[in-house]
Amino acid sequence: MAVSNKLSSLSKLWKSAKATQSSFSNVADGDYTGALKEMKLEEAKKSGRLQVTTSIEIVDGDYAGKVVKRFDGLDNETSVGYFKGLCEIIGFDIPENVEVLQEALDEFIANNTDLFNITIKSNDKYSNVYVNGVSDMVMGEEEGEEEVQEEEVQEEEEVQEEEVEFVEEEEEEVQEVAPPKKKVLSAPTKKVAVAPAKKVAAAPVKKVVTLRK
């Protein structure tokens, strides 16, 4: 059965299914941070069921760069409920018309900038990928950006140093071009002869003699 025909038959349970989240939200082993790379509506290769395959790229730890996949079946109400639960966690607004689901998923992936906390739990046959919520990490936050900023600061400092050197050279040139200062000779001081002071003879003191009667 073609995908479009399966979508048409899915319309009734698409509206009735309630969001259900996985019970493995806090598995201790296999916790990573991942970026959503693709959410594709397709048929399973073995069973032929209609499903959404979500590809998530791990961005931290020893497995950074590896892509893991989560498969959400859309063949019954329970599986649709789990898919709706995933949509609530990642912030995807589910369209009312299921037939435009792929277009809505493509637009969401193209505009999404969030990273997500994920848990991977494996068994002998396959791995289950659980999306737990939005991560505190920011997409594009790398050490390279900090290095670029540091280089820009260093370049600014070098420009400032060059400006200082230029000013110093300019001052030196001004000092060389300035004419030598002229010495102003002061007029010789004329000596004025001072007449010797005349000695004035003091008048003789007259003695007054008192006569006795």
Protein backbone atom coordinates (compact mmCIF):
# COMPACT_ATOMS: atom_id res chain seq x y z
CA MET A 1 0.00 0.00 0.00
CA ALA A 2 1.36 3.40 -0.93
CA VAL A 3 2.29 5.92 1.74
CA SER A 4 -0.48 8.33 0.66
CA ASN A 5 -3.16 5.64 1.02
CA LYS A 6 -1.89 4.71 4.47
CA LEU A 7 -1.99 8.35 5.50
CA SER A 8 -5.61 8.61 4.48
CA SER A 9 -6.56 5.58 6.57
CA LEU A 10 -4.61 7.02 9.51
CA SER A 11 -6.73 10.19 9.79
CA LYS A 12 -9.20 8.84 12.37
CA LEU A 13 -6.74 7.47 14.96
CA TRP A 14 -4.37 10.40 14.27
CA LYS A 15 -6.86 12.70 16.02
CA SER A 16 -7.91 10.26 18.77
CA ALA A 17 -4.45 9.09 19.92
CA LYS A 18 -3.17 10.79 23.09
CA ALA A 19 0.49 11.70 23.67
CA THR A 20 2.42 9.01 25.53
CA GLN A 21 6.03 9.31 26.67
CA SER A 22 8.49 6.49 27.12
CA SER A 23 9.00 5.02 30.59
CA PHE A 24 12.77 4.91 29.95
CA SER A 25 13.21 8.69 30.33
CA ASN A 26 16.14 8.45 32.78
CA VAL A 27 18.23 5.42 31.81
CA ALA A 28 21.59 5.77 33.56
CA ASP A 29 23.83 4.29 30.84
CA GLY A 30 24.08 5.73 27.33
CA ASP A 31 23.15 9.37 27.96
CA TYR A 32 24.21 11.79 25.19
CA THR A 33 23.42 15.11 23.58
CA GLY A 34 22.13 14.98 20.03
CA ALA A 35 21.00 17.15 17.12
CA LEU A 36 17.99 16.27 14.99
CA LYS A 37 19.16 15.67 11.42
CA GLU A 38 16.07 14.23 9.74
CA MET A 39 12.52 13.05 10.43
CA LYS A 40 11.33 10.97 7.50
CA LEU A 41 7.93 9.40 6.90
CA GLU A 42 8.46 5.97 5.32
CA GLU A 43 7.53 2.29 5.29
CA ALA A 44 9.49 -0.21 7.37
CA LYS A 45 11.61 -2.49 5.19
CA LYS A 46 10.59 -5.76 6.87
CA SER A 47 7.05 -5.23 8.14
CA GLY A 48 5.96 -2.54 5.72
CA ARG A 49 4.37 -0.52 8.53
CA LEU A 50 4.13 3.26 8.20
CA GLN A 51 6.61 4.98 10.52
CA VAL A 52 8.60 8.13 11.16
CA THR A 53 12.34 7.54 11.25
CA THR A 54 14.15 10.19 13.29
CA SER A 55 17.91 10.52 12.71
CA ILE A 56 19.89 12.05 15.58
CA GLU A 57 23.58 12.96 15.44
CA ILE A 58 25.47 12.64 18.72
CA VAL A 59 27.49 15.79 19.40
CA ASP A 60 29.39 14.86 22.57
CA GLY A 61 31.46 12.08 24.08
CA ASP A 62 33.41 9.33 22.36
CA TYR A 63 30.67 8.76 19.77
CA ALA A 64 30.36 12.37 18.61
CA GLY A 65 29.41 12.44 14.93
CA LYS A 66 27.68 9.06 14.95
CA VAL A 67 24.05 9.07 13.80
CA VAL A 68 21.48 6.98 15.68
CA LYS A 69 17.88 6.39 14.61
CA ARG A 70 14.56 6.20 16.40
CA PHE A 71 11.56 4.50 14.76
CA ASP A 72 8.01 5.53 15.64
CA GLY A 73 5.31 3.38 14.09
CA LEU A 74 2.10 4.99 12.89
CA ASP A 75 0.18 1.75 12.39
CA ASN A 76 -1.93 1.81 15.57
CA GLU A 77 -3.18 4.22 18.21
CA THR A 78 -0.55 3.25 20.80
CA SER A 79 2.39 3.85 18.48
CA VAL A 80 0.88 7.13 17.26
CA GLY A 81 0.60 8.17 20.91
CA TYR A 82 4.33 7.57 21.45
CA PHE A 83 5.12 9.61 18.35
CA LYS A 84 2.95 12.47 19.62
CA GLY A 85 4.83 12.26 22.92
CA LEU A 86 8.11 12.68 21.04
CA CYS A 87 6.67 15.69 19.20
CA GLU A 88 5.75 17.36 22.50
CA ILE A 89 9.31 16.87 23.82
CA ILE A 90 11.05 18.31 20.75
CA GLY A 91 8.53 21.15 20.32
CA PHE A 92 7.04 20.03 17.01
CA ASP A 93 3.50 21.30 16.37
CA ILE A 94 1.60 18.35 14.94
CA PRO A 95 -0.53 19.33 11.94
CA GLU A 96 -4.22 18.53 12.11
CA ASN A 97 -4.07 17.21 8.58
CA VAL A 98 -1.84 14.13 8.69
CA GLU A 99 -1.38 14.20 4.93
CA VAL A 100 0.94 17.25 5.23
CA LEU A 101 3.00 15.60 7.99
CA GLN A 102 6.20 15.23 5.93
CA GLU A 103 6.17 18.87 4.79
CA ALA A 104 5.69 20.00 8.40
CA LEU A 105 8.54 17.75 9.60
CA ASP A 106 10.89 19.07 6.91
CA GLU A 107 10.16 22.67 7.87
CA PHE A 108 10.67 21.90 11.57
CA ILE A 109 14.05 20.25 11.00
CA ALA A 110 15.20 23.12 8.76
CA ASN A 111 14.41 25.73 11.44
CA ASN A 112 15.31 23.80 14.60
CA THR A 113 18.34 25.07 16.56
CA ASP A 114 17.94 23.04 19.77
CA LEU A 115 20.02 20.13 21.00
CA PHE A 116 18.38 17.31 22.95
CA ASN A 117 19.29 14.98 25.79
CA ILE A 118 18.95 11.41 24.58
CA THR A 119 19.35 7.95 26.08
CA ILE A 120 20.33 4.86 24.14
CA LYS A 121 19.45 1.42 25.49
CA SER A 122 20.53 -1.59 23.48
CA ASN A 123 19.59 -5.27 23.52
CA ASP A 124 20.81 -8.21 21.47
CA LYS A 125 18.85 -7.20 18.36
CA TYR A 126 18.59 -3.42 18.20
CA SER A 127 18.93 -0.13 20.07
CA ASN A 128 16.17 2.06 21.40
CA VAL A 129 16.68 5.81 21.33
CA TYR A 130 14.79 7.91 23.87
CA VAL A 131 14.59 11.69 23.67
CA ASN A 132 14.37 13.14 27.18
CA GLY A 133 14.22 16.90 26.59
CA VAL A 134 15.99 20.01 25.35
CA SER A 135 19.68 20.20 26.29
CA ASP A 136 21.38 23.19 27.96
CA MET A 137 24.03 23.05 25.25
CA VAL A 138 23.71 25.48 22.34
CA MET A 139 24.16 24.42 18.73
CA GLY A 140 27.31 25.94 17.18
CA GLU A 141 28.97 26.62 20.56
CA GLU A 142 32.52 25.55 19.80
CA GLU A 143 36.01 26.44 20.95
CA GLY A 144 36.84 27.78 17.49
CA GLU A 145 34.54 30.77 18.02
CA GLU A 146 36.35 31.72 21.22
CA GLU A 147 39.71 31.47 19.43
CA VAL A 148 38.46 33.78 16.68
CA GLN A 149 37.37 36.33 19.27
CA GLU A 150 40.77 36.14 20.96
CA GLU A 151 42.51 36.68 17.62
CA GLU A 152 40.34 39.74 16.96
CA VAL A 153 41.28 41.17 20.36
CA GLN A 154 44.97 40.56 19.67
CA GLU A 155 44.67 42.28 16.30
CA GLU A 156 43.04 45.31 17.95
CA GLU A 157 45.87 45.46 20.51
CA GLU A 158 48.48 45.34 17.73
CA VAL A 159 46.77 48.19 15.90
CA GLN A 160 46.78 50.26 19.07
CA GLU A 161 50.50 49.60 19.56
CA GLU A 162 51.22 50.66 15.98
CA GLU A 163 49.31 53.90 16.52
CA VAL A 164 51.36 54.65 19.64
CA GLU A 165 54.60 54.03 17.75
CA PHE A 166 53.46 56.32 14.96
CA VAL A 167 52.74 59.12 17.41
CA GLU A 168 56.17 58.71 18.98
CA GLU A 169 57.88 58.90 15.59
CA GLU A 170 55.87 61.98 14.71
CA GLU A 171 56.96 63.69 17.93
CA GLU A 172 60.59 62.87 17.16
CA GLU A 173 60.28 64.40 13.70
CA VAL A 174 58.81 67.58 15.14
CA GLN A 175 61.72 67.86 17.54
CA GLU A 176 64.23 67.55 14.69
CA VAL A 177 62.51 70.12 12.48
CA ALA A 178 62.06 72.74 15.24
CA PRO A 179 64.70 75.57 14.93
CA PRO A 180 67.24 75.97 17.73
CA LYS A 181 66.33 78.44 20.44
CA LYS A 182 68.07 81.87 20.24
CA LYS A 183 69.98 83.04 23.29
CA VAL A 184 69.01 86.56 24.35
CA LEU A 185 71.95 88.51 25.87
CA SER A 186 71.01 90.82 28.70
CA ALA A 187 72.39 94.44 28.68
CA PRO A 188 75.44 95.01 30.94
CA THR A 189 74.59 96.42 34.34
CA LYS A 190 75.92 99.98 34.90
CA LYS A 191 77.71 100.58 38.17
CA VAL A 192 76.59 103.74 39.97
CA ALA A 193 79.26 105.34 42.21
CA VAL A 194 77.91 106.11 45.69
CA ALA A 195 79.27 109.27 47.41
CA PRO A 196 80.77 108.58 50.80
CA ALA A 197 78.58 109.61 53.68
CA LYS A 198 79.60 112.91 55.36
CA LYS A 199 80.26 112.84 59.06
CA VAL A 200 78.19 115.41 60.95
CA ALA A 201 79.84 116.64 64.16
CA ALA A 202 77.50 116.55 67.09
CA ALA A 203 76.97 119.92 68.95
CA PRO A 204 78.70 120.11 72.36
CA VAL A 205 76.42 119.37 75.30
CA LYS A 206 76.11 122.39 77.63
CA LYS A 207 76.35 121.68 81.33
CA VAL A 208 73.84 123.49 83.52
CA VAL A 209 75.24 124.49 86.95
CA THR A 210 72.78 124.92 89.75
CA LEU A 211 73.75 127.71 92.23
CA ARG A 212 73.27 127.10 95.86
CA LYS A 213 71.79 129.91 97.99
